[in-house]
Amino acid sequence: MRIAVLMSSYNGEKYIEEQIKSILSQTGNFELDLWVRDDGSVDNTIKILEYYQEKGKLRWYSDKNCGPAKSFFDLIYKAKEYDYYAFSDQDDYWYPNKITNAVEKLKKYDSGKKLLYFCNAEYVDSNLKPLGGKNYKGSVPTDFYSTLLNPGYLGCTMVFNNKLAEVIQNHSMPDVIFMHDEYLARVCVAVGGKVVFDDRAFIKYRQHGDNVIGSTIGKMDALMRRINMICKANRIGIKEELSGIKNIYGDGIGDMEKEWINTIICYKDSIKNKIKLAFSSKPKFISTNMRWTIRFKILNGKL
């Protein structure tokens, strides 16, 4: 069994070596290859990558800065013919059994099905000391309707099989991607795949001032983030992203799925459409707060 771990790096000299070591320390009956795409670092990140490549521990390449979303997708196109793939951030820490547990979970499902796994994560500070709590504090909806509208899955814990990777590899690079993890989850369910959530935590999710992408800790942080989500439109809206998914992967999307995709794409066309989507009973949410956040965001035209 062959597994590719895909990491996008950018000015990660502070923490990337510790993360590389944790990835290379994974235990299990498989061959692991670590692929790193550097997104234009100007610090010592490249020196660290060169050192580990010379030791035969990873392979890396550098390209123009395109942001984490497209950087991760470029890696999917480069790393072909693996059984499973895993996304990795440059600043976390993996427990030795992370990959093994993910693969064991995915093996319970039909190997011919497109599968995407993600798990919980422990909050830690810059020195990997526990901050208390996990990223998910309850059940996480992974059905088609919920995933398409608001997945919110933690990309640095994701593992997916070759069937899902081949869907990406057999189609053109998307022009519009807001975040690689949400995009991959949406593609997965749109083409009939399954998303699997594991409540157990197998990574230490580092929170620090240099995060390219991060989470929030504390009630005030969470409140401010909710307000910001409602009032501020995403740099790339869901209409643009889903329109791209329908155009690129339409050959594998069923009629029912296309109908829900169109419902979301057209939500801004009228007040009636906004209300219909905002109060639809089809999507579920991780919490009551998130449900109302997304509802207000839809009614505000900021989704």
Protein backbone atom coordinates (compact mmCIF):
# COMPACT_ATOMS: atom_id res chain seq x y z
CA MET A 1 0.00 0.00 0.00
CA ARG A 2 1.37 3.39 -1.04
CA ILE A 3 0.44 6.67 0.63
CA ALA A 4 1.31 10.22 -0.44
CA VAL A 5 1.33 12.99 2.15
CA LEU A 6 0.86 16.36 0.44
CA MET A 7 2.22 19.48 2.14
CA SER A 8 2.16 23.08 0.91
CA SER A 9 4.87 25.19 2.53
CA TYR A 10 5.29 28.93 2.81
CA ASN A 11 7.81 30.61 5.12
CA GLY A 12 7.50 27.71 7.53
CA GLU A 13 11.00 27.56 8.99
CA LYS A 14 9.79 27.77 12.61
CA TYR A 15 7.77 24.58 12.68
CA ILE A 16 8.11 22.64 9.43
CA GLU A 17 10.98 20.40 10.53
CA GLU A 18 9.04 19.18 13.57
CA GLN A 19 6.06 18.40 11.35
CA ILE A 20 8.22 16.60 8.79
CA LYS A 21 9.66 14.39 11.54
CA SER A 22 6.19 13.52 12.83
CA ILE A 23 5.08 12.54 9.31
CA LEU A 24 8.17 10.42 8.70
CA SER A 25 7.53 8.68 12.05
CA GLN A 26 4.15 7.29 10.96
CA THR A 27 3.74 3.60 11.80
CA GLY A 28 1.93 1.00 9.74
CA ASN A 29 2.14 -1.47 6.90
CA PHE A 30 2.57 0.97 4.03
CA GLU A 31 5.09 2.95 2.00
CA LEU A 32 4.86 6.68 2.67
CA ASP A 33 6.07 9.43 0.34
CA LEU A 34 6.09 13.03 1.49
CA TRP A 35 5.53 15.56 -1.31
CA VAL A 36 6.07 19.26 -0.60
CA ARG A 37 5.25 22.18 -2.87
CA ASP A 38 6.84 25.40 -1.72
CA ASP A 39 4.65 28.40 -2.48
CA GLY A 40 7.42 31.01 -2.75
CA SER A 41 9.14 30.96 0.65
CA VAL A 42 11.81 33.60 1.33
CA ASP A 43 13.03 32.25 4.68
CA ASN A 44 15.00 29.05 5.42
CA THR A 45 12.15 26.69 4.50
CA ILE A 46 13.82 25.65 1.24
CA LYS A 47 17.10 24.83 3.01
CA ILE A 48 15.21 22.51 5.35
CA LEU A 49 13.43 20.84 2.42
CA GLU A 50 16.69 20.39 0.54
CA TYR A 51 18.28 18.75 3.58
CA TYR A 52 15.51 16.14 3.89
CA GLN A 53 15.37 15.55 0.15
CA GLU A 54 19.12 14.84 0.07
CA LYS A 55 18.51 12.25 2.81
CA GLY A 56 15.82 10.66 0.65
CA LYS A 57 13.06 11.52 3.11
CA LEU A 58 10.87 13.65 0.84
CA ARG A 59 10.56 15.20 -2.59
CA TRP A 60 9.84 18.87 -3.06
CA TYR A 61 9.50 21.49 -5.75
CA SER A 62 8.92 25.22 -5.83
CA ASP A 63 6.63 27.30 -7.99
CA LYS A 64 5.07 30.73 -8.12
CA ASN A 65 2.93 31.83 -5.20
CA CYS A 66 -0.66 30.85 -5.87
CA GLY A 67 -2.02 30.47 -2.31
CA PRO A 68 -2.61 27.28 -0.30
CA ALA A 69 -5.75 26.11 -2.13
CA LYS A 70 -4.22 25.83 -5.60
CA SER A 71 -0.88 24.77 -4.14
CA PHE A 72 -2.47 21.69 -2.56
CA PHE A 73 -4.38 20.88 -5.73
CA ASP A 74 -1.20 21.13 -7.79
CA LEU A 75 0.25 18.45 -5.51
CA ILE A 76 -2.69 16.14 -6.25
CA TYR A 77 -1.92 16.41 -9.96
CA LYS A 78 1.80 15.75 -9.40
CA ALA A 79 1.52 12.73 -7.06
CA LYS A 80 -0.20 10.00 -9.05
CA GLU A 81 -0.86 6.27 -8.59
CA TYR A 82 -1.04 6.13 -4.81
CA ASP A 83 -3.64 4.19 -2.83
CA TYR A 84 -4.33 7.00 -0.36
CA TYR A 85 -3.51 10.69 -0.04
CA ALA A 86 -3.28 12.95 3.02
CA PHE A 87 -3.16 16.73 3.34
CA SER A 88 -0.68 18.20 5.82
CA ASP A 89 -0.12 21.71 7.10
CA GLN A 90 3.47 22.81 7.75
CA ASP A 91 3.08 23.68 11.42
CA ASP A 92 1.16 20.88 13.15
CA TYR A 93 2.26 17.62 14.78
CA TRP A 94 0.95 14.17 13.88
CA TYR A 95 0.61 11.24 16.25
CA PRO A 96 2.40 8.13 14.89
CA ASN A 97 -0.87 6.26 14.26
CA LYS A 98 -2.66 9.03 12.35
CA ILE A 99 -2.41 7.50 8.89
CA THR A 100 -3.03 3.94 10.07
CA ASN A 101 -6.27 4.89 11.84
CA ALA A 102 -7.55 6.85 8.86
CA VAL A 103 -6.87 4.00 6.44
CA GLU A 104 -8.46 1.44 8.75
CA LYS A 105 -11.56 3.62 8.91
CA LEU A 106 -11.74 4.00 5.12
CA LYS A 107 -11.21 0.29 4.51
CA LYS A 108 -14.59 -0.38 6.10
CA TYR A 109 -16.23 1.09 3.01
CA ASP A 110 -16.39 -0.08 -0.58
CA SER A 111 -12.96 0.42 -2.14
CA GLY A 112 -14.61 1.34 -5.43
CA LYS A 113 -16.29 4.35 -3.82
CA LYS A 114 -14.81 7.84 -3.65
CA LEU A 115 -13.93 8.36 0.02
CA LEU A 116 -12.79 11.32 2.11
CA TYR A 117 -11.86 11.04 5.80
CA PHE A 118 -11.23 13.76 8.37
CA CYS A 119 -10.81 13.67 12.13
CA ASN A 120 -10.70 15.82 15.22
CA ALA A 121 -7.67 17.81 16.35
CA GLU A 122 -6.27 18.95 19.67
CA TYR A 123 -5.62 22.66 20.17
CA VAL A 124 -2.02 23.38 21.18
CA ASP A 125 0.12 26.51 21.42
CA SER A 126 3.31 27.27 19.50
CA ASN A 127 5.26 24.91 21.80
CA LEU A 128 2.71 22.08 21.39
CA LYS A 129 1.37 22.60 24.91
CA PRO A 130 -2.36 21.79 25.19
CA LEU A 131 -4.75 24.73 25.11
CA GLY A 132 -7.72 22.57 25.99
CA GLY A 133 -10.50 21.36 23.80
CA LYS A 134 -10.76 19.97 20.28
CA ASN A 135 -11.74 21.44 16.97
CA TYR A 136 -15.09 19.59 16.89
CA LYS A 137 -17.16 19.26 20.04
CA GLY A 138 -20.01 17.16 18.70
CA SER A 139 -21.26 15.27 15.70
CA VAL A 140 -20.40 16.69 12.29
CA PRO A 141 -22.90 16.34 9.42
CA THR A 142 -21.30 14.83 6.32
CA ASP A 143 -24.31 14.27 4.05
CA PHE A 144 -24.53 15.71 0.55
CA TYR A 145 -26.75 18.71 1.36
CA SER A 146 -24.75 19.81 4.40
CA THR A 147 -21.34 19.31 2.83
CA LEU A 148 -22.18 21.25 -0.29
CA LEU A 149 -23.48 24.27 1.64
CA ASN A 150 -20.98 24.51 4.50
CA PRO A 151 -18.49 21.67 5.05
CA GLY A 152 -16.08 23.31 7.52
CA TYR A 153 -13.91 20.19 7.62
CA LEU A 154 -10.33 20.40 8.86
CA GLY A 155 -8.10 19.89 5.82
CA CYS A 156 -4.92 19.11 7.77
CA THR A 157 -6.59 15.90 9.03
CA MET A 158 -7.94 14.76 5.66
CA VAL A 159 -7.10 11.42 4.04
CA PHE A 160 -8.72 10.37 0.76
CA ASN A 161 -8.54 7.36 -1.51
CA ASN A 162 -7.28 7.06 -5.08
CA LYS A 163 -10.80 7.00 -6.51
CA LEU A 164 -11.39 10.55 -5.33
CA ALA A 165 -7.88 11.64 -6.30
CA GLU A 166 -8.45 10.31 -9.82
CA VAL A 167 -11.55 12.48 -10.19
CA ILE A 168 -9.35 15.54 -9.65
CA GLN A 169 -6.46 14.21 -11.74
CA ASN A 170 -8.69 13.36 -14.69
CA HIS A 171 -10.09 16.89 -14.92
CA SER A 172 -8.55 20.29 -15.41
CA MET A 173 -7.19 22.47 -12.61
CA PRO A 174 -10.05 24.60 -11.22
CA ASP A 175 -9.78 28.33 -11.84
CA VAL A 176 -11.80 29.12 -8.72
CA ILE A 177 -10.98 27.54 -5.34
CA PHE A 178 -11.61 29.28 -2.03
CA MET A 179 -10.09 26.57 0.19
CA HIS A 180 -8.70 23.21 -0.90
CA ASP A 181 -10.36 21.21 1.88
CA GLU A 182 -13.87 22.59 1.39
CA TYR A 183 -13.50 22.28 -2.37
CA LEU A 184 -12.39 18.64 -2.21
CA ALA A 185 -15.26 17.79 0.16
CA ARG A 186 -17.77 19.42 -2.21
CA VAL A 187 -16.39 17.57 -5.21
CA CYS A 188 -16.50 14.30 -3.26
CA VAL A 189 -20.20 14.47 -2.43
CA ALA A 190 -21.14 16.04 -5.78
CA VAL A 191 -19.80 13.02 -7.69
CA GLY A 192 -21.42 10.50 -5.35
CA GLY A 193 -18.61 9.99 -2.84
CA LYS A 194 -18.78 9.62 0.92
CA VAL A 195 -17.29 11.78 3.66
CA VAL A 196 -16.27 10.01 6.89
CA PHE A 197 -15.75 11.82 10.22
CA ASP A 198 -13.67 10.42 13.09
CA ASP A 199 -14.25 12.11 16.47
CA ARG A 200 -10.84 10.96 17.70
CA ALA A 201 -7.92 13.39 17.49
CA PHE A 202 -4.69 12.31 15.83
CA ILE A 203 -2.97 15.66 15.35
CA LYS A 204 -1.89 18.57 17.50
CA TYR A 205 -3.35 21.64 15.78
CA ARG A 206 -0.90 24.43 16.46
CA GLN A 207 -2.34 27.90 17.10
CA HIS A 208 0.10 30.78 16.73
CA GLY A 209 0.40 34.27 15.27
CA ASP A 210 2.00 33.05 12.03
CA ASN A 211 -0.79 30.68 10.93
CA VAL A 212 -1.58 30.98 7.22
CA ILE A 213 -4.92 29.40 8.09
CA GLY A 214 -6.05 28.75 11.62
CA SER A 215 -8.88 28.47 14.06
CA THR A 216 -10.00 30.45 17.07
CA ILE A 217 -9.81 29.83 20.79
CA GLY A 218 -12.11 31.38 23.37
CA LYS A 219 -15.66 32.75 23.40
CA MET A 220 -14.72 36.29 22.33
CA ASP A 221 -12.66 35.01 19.39
CA ALA A 222 -15.55 32.78 18.33
CA LEU A 223 -18.06 35.66 18.59
CA MET A 224 -15.90 38.02 16.54
CA ARG A 225 -15.35 35.34 13.93
CA ARG A 226 -19.11 34.74 13.62
CA ILE A 227 -19.78 38.46 13.18
CA ASN A 228 -17.03 38.69 10.58
CA MET A 229 -18.41 35.66 8.71
CA ILE A 230 -21.88 37.20 8.51
CA CYS A 231 -20.82 40.68 7.45
CA LYS A 232 -17.91 39.92 5.14
CA ALA A 233 -18.20 38.20 1.78
CA ASN A 234 -15.67 35.49 0.99
CA ARG A 235 -12.97 36.41 -1.48
CA ILE A 236 -14.46 33.69 -3.69
CA GLY A 237 -18.18 33.18 -3.21
CA ILE A 238 -19.98 29.86 -3.11
CA LYS A 239 -21.80 30.73 -6.36
CA GLU A 240 -18.51 30.99 -8.25
CA GLU A 241 -17.03 27.88 -6.66
CA LEU A 242 -20.05 25.65 -7.25
CA SER A 243 -20.47 26.93 -10.79
CA GLY A 244 -16.90 25.82 -11.44
CA ILE A 245 -17.49 22.42 -9.86
CA LYS A 246 -20.58 21.87 -12.02
CA ASN A 247 -18.73 22.88 -15.19
CA ILE A 248 -15.61 20.79 -14.51
CA TYR A 249 -17.08 17.65 -12.92
CA GLY A 250 -20.57 17.76 -14.42
CA ASP A 251 -20.08 14.43 -16.21
CA GLY A 252 -20.07 12.69 -12.84
CA ILE A 253 -22.80 14.68 -11.08
CA GLY A 254 -26.34 13.29 -10.92
CA ASP A 255 -29.55 15.20 -11.63
CA MET A 256 -30.57 15.41 -7.96
CA GLU A 257 -27.16 16.75 -7.02
CA LYS A 258 -27.24 19.31 -9.84
CA GLU A 259 -30.63 20.54 -8.64
CA TRP A 260 -29.26 21.34 -5.16
CA ILE A 261 -26.13 22.88 -6.67
CA ASN A 262 -28.33 25.15 -8.82
CA THR A 263 -30.40 26.10 -5.77
CA ILE A 264 -27.26 27.36 -4.05
CA ILE A 265 -25.82 29.00 -7.17
CA CYS A 266 -29.04 31.01 -7.73
CA TYR A 267 -29.63 32.03 -4.12
CA LYS A 268 -28.81 35.71 -4.78
CA ASP A 269 -31.25 36.05 -7.67
CA SER A 270 -34.19 37.02 -5.47
CA ILE A 271 -35.31 37.47 -1.86
CA LYS A 272 -37.47 34.37 -2.33
CA ASN A 273 -34.42 32.29 -3.26
CA LYS A 274 -32.45 33.57 -0.27
CA ILE A 275 -35.25 32.69 2.15
CA LYS A 276 -35.75 29.29 0.51
CA LEU A 277 -32.08 28.36 0.92
CA ALA A 278 -31.59 29.97 4.35
CA PHE A 279 -34.47 28.05 5.91
CA SER A 280 -34.21 24.80 3.96
CA SER A 281 -34.46 21.73 6.18
CA LYS A 282 -32.05 19.73 3.99
CA PRO A 283 -28.65 20.89 5.30
CA LYS A 284 -27.61 20.19 8.89
CA PHE A 285 -25.04 22.14 10.90
CA ILE A 286 -22.39 21.43 13.48
CA SER A 287 -24.07 23.77 15.96
CA THR A 288 -27.00 26.15 16.41
CA ASN A 289 -24.56 29.07 16.19
CA MET A 290 -23.29 27.88 12.83
CA ARG A 291 -26.84 27.33 11.54
CA TRP A 292 -27.79 30.94 12.25
CA THR A 293 -24.45 32.25 11.03
CA ILE A 294 -24.98 30.60 7.63
CA ARG A 295 -28.64 31.69 7.52
CA PHE A 296 -27.74 35.33 8.13
CA LYS A 297 -24.87 35.08 5.66
CA ILE A 298 -27.27 33.81 2.97
CA LEU A 299 -29.88 36.48 3.72
CA ASN A 300 -27.10 39.08 3.64
CA GLY A 301 -25.89 37.79 0.25
CA LYS A 302 -22.40 37.13 1.62
CA LEU A 303 -22.15 33.34 1.25
